[in-house]
């Protein structure tokens, strides 16, 4: 993709990012399609990296534990706390991030 196409992708993903309740995300978790993005990362930039197949960058994030399938312990925690979550669909995945605001 050229830089203009990446900018358009970034804008589209930003427009599709929204707050989500855990109740809305549980089905994706049950299907193994919910990907947790660590709070220190930019949710949109991670989505762009995945969409543009930047596999080496994604691998680094996964190895560091800052990106990966949502684990059971976090799912239980979110079920109990109801924290503010932001999500973006990048079919077949849903990327989700806990945020303070």
Protein backbone atom coordinates (compact mmCIF):
# COMPACT_ATOMS: atom_id res chain seq x y z
CA UNK A 1 0.00 0.00 0.00
CA UNK A 2 1.15 3.48 -0.74
CA UNK A 3 1.10 6.20 1.97
CA UNK A 4 -2.20 7.69 0.71
CA UNK A 5 -3.90 4.28 0.88
CA UNK A 6 -2.56 3.76 4.40
CA UNK A 7 -3.89 7.17 5.43
CA UNK A 8 -7.32 6.26 4.04
CA UNK A 9 -7.22 2.94 5.87
CA UNK A 10 -6.21 4.69 9.09
CA UNK A 11 -9.10 7.17 8.71
CA UNK A 12 -11.60 4.37 8.02
CA UNK A 13 -10.46 2.37 11.03
CA UNK A 14 -10.61 5.45 13.23
CA UNK A 15 -14.18 6.04 12.10
CA UNK A 16 -15.08 2.44 12.93
CA UNK A 17 -13.54 2.48 16.41
CA UNK A 18 -16.02 2.78 19.24
CA UNK A 19 -16.58 2.14 22.91
CA UNK A 20 -17.80 -1.36 23.60
CA UNK A 21 -19.27 -3.13 26.59
CA UNK A 22 -17.92 -6.49 27.65
CA UNK A 23 -21.38 -7.96 27.02
CA UNK A 24 -20.99 -7.03 23.33
CA UNK A 25 -17.56 -8.64 23.12
CA UNK A 26 -18.12 -11.93 24.95
CA UNK A 27 -19.27 -13.75 21.81
CA UNK A 28 -16.07 -12.81 19.99
CA UNK A 29 -14.06 -13.96 23.01
CA UNK A 30 -15.88 -17.30 23.02
CA UNK A 31 -15.04 -17.75 19.33
CA UNK A 32 -11.36 -16.93 19.91
CA UNK A 33 -11.62 -13.81 17.76
CA UNK A 34 -10.94 -11.15 20.40
CA UNK A 35 -7.43 -9.68 20.31
CA UNK A 36 -6.24 -7.60 23.25
CA UNK A 37 -4.13 -4.54 22.48
CA UNK A 38 -2.15 -3.28 25.46
CA UNK A 39 -3.15 0.17 26.72
CA UNK A 40 0.26 1.65 25.95
CA UNK A 41 -0.22 0.99 22.22
CA UNK A 42 -2.22 3.00 19.70
CA UNK A 43 -5.21 0.81 18.83
CA UNK A 44 -5.55 2.25 15.32
CA UNK A 45 -1.87 1.93 14.49
CA UNK A 46 -1.89 -1.71 15.58
CA UNK A 47 -4.95 -2.30 13.40
CA UNK A 48 -3.14 -0.66 10.46
CA UNK A 49 -0.11 -2.89 11.04
CA UNK A 50 -2.31 -5.98 10.99
CA UNK A 51 -4.31 -4.85 7.95
CA UNK A 52 -1.14 -4.09 5.99
CA UNK A 53 0.48 -7.38 7.03
CA UNK A 54 3.45 -5.91 8.88
CA UNK A 55 4.14 -9.35 10.31
CA UNK A 56 7.55 -8.60 11.82
CA UNK A 57 6.14 -5.66 13.82
CA UNK A 58 3.13 -7.72 14.89
CA UNK A 59 5.38 -10.60 15.95
CA UNK A 60 7.41 -8.25 18.16
CA UNK A 61 4.23 -7.00 19.85
CA UNK A 62 2.98 -10.54 20.35
CA UNK A 63 6.29 -11.77 21.78
CA UNK A 64 6.34 -8.84 24.22
CA UNK A 65 2.83 -9.72 25.42
CA UNK A 66 1.40 -6.38 24.31
CA UNK A 67 -0.79 -7.97 21.62
CA UNK A 68 -2.53 -11.31 21.53
CA UNK A 69 -5.66 -13.31 22.15
CA UNK A 70 -7.57 -12.20 25.21
CA UNK A 71 -6.81 -14.57 28.06
CA UNK A 72 -9.36 -16.05 30.45
CA UNK A 73 -8.12 -14.08 33.47
CA UNK A 74 -8.57 -10.75 31.68
CA UNK A 75 -12.01 -11.80 30.45
CA UNK A 76 -13.09 -12.56 34.02
CA UNK A 77 -11.60 -9.27 35.23
CA UNK A 78 -13.46 -7.29 32.56
CA UNK A 79 -16.68 -9.15 33.33
CA UNK A 80 -16.39 -8.11 36.98
CA UNK A 81 -15.07 -4.54 36.59
CA UNK A 82 -16.80 -3.32 33.40
CA UNK A 83 -13.85 -1.10 32.42
CA UNK A 84 -14.00 1.32 29.49
CA UNK A 85 -13.18 -0.68 26.37
CA UNK A 86 -12.57 0.47 22.81
CA UNK A 87 -12.84 -1.87 19.87
CA UNK A 88 -12.34 -1.95 16.15
CA UNK A 89 -13.33 -4.76 13.81
CA UNK A 90 -10.65 -6.07 11.51
CA UNK A 91 -12.45 -9.15 10.21
CA UNK A 92 -12.31 -11.83 11.32
CA UNK A 93 -10.80 -10.26 14.43
CA UNK A 94 -12.01 -7.68 16.91
CA UNK A 95 -9.20 -5.69 18.46
CA UNK A 96 -10.02 -4.44 21.94
CA UNK A 97 -8.24 -2.16 24.34
CA UNK A 98 -8.93 -1.10 27.90
CA UNK A 99 -8.59 2.64 28.32
CA UNK A 100 -8.77 4.97 31.27
CA UNK A 101 -11.10 7.33 29.35
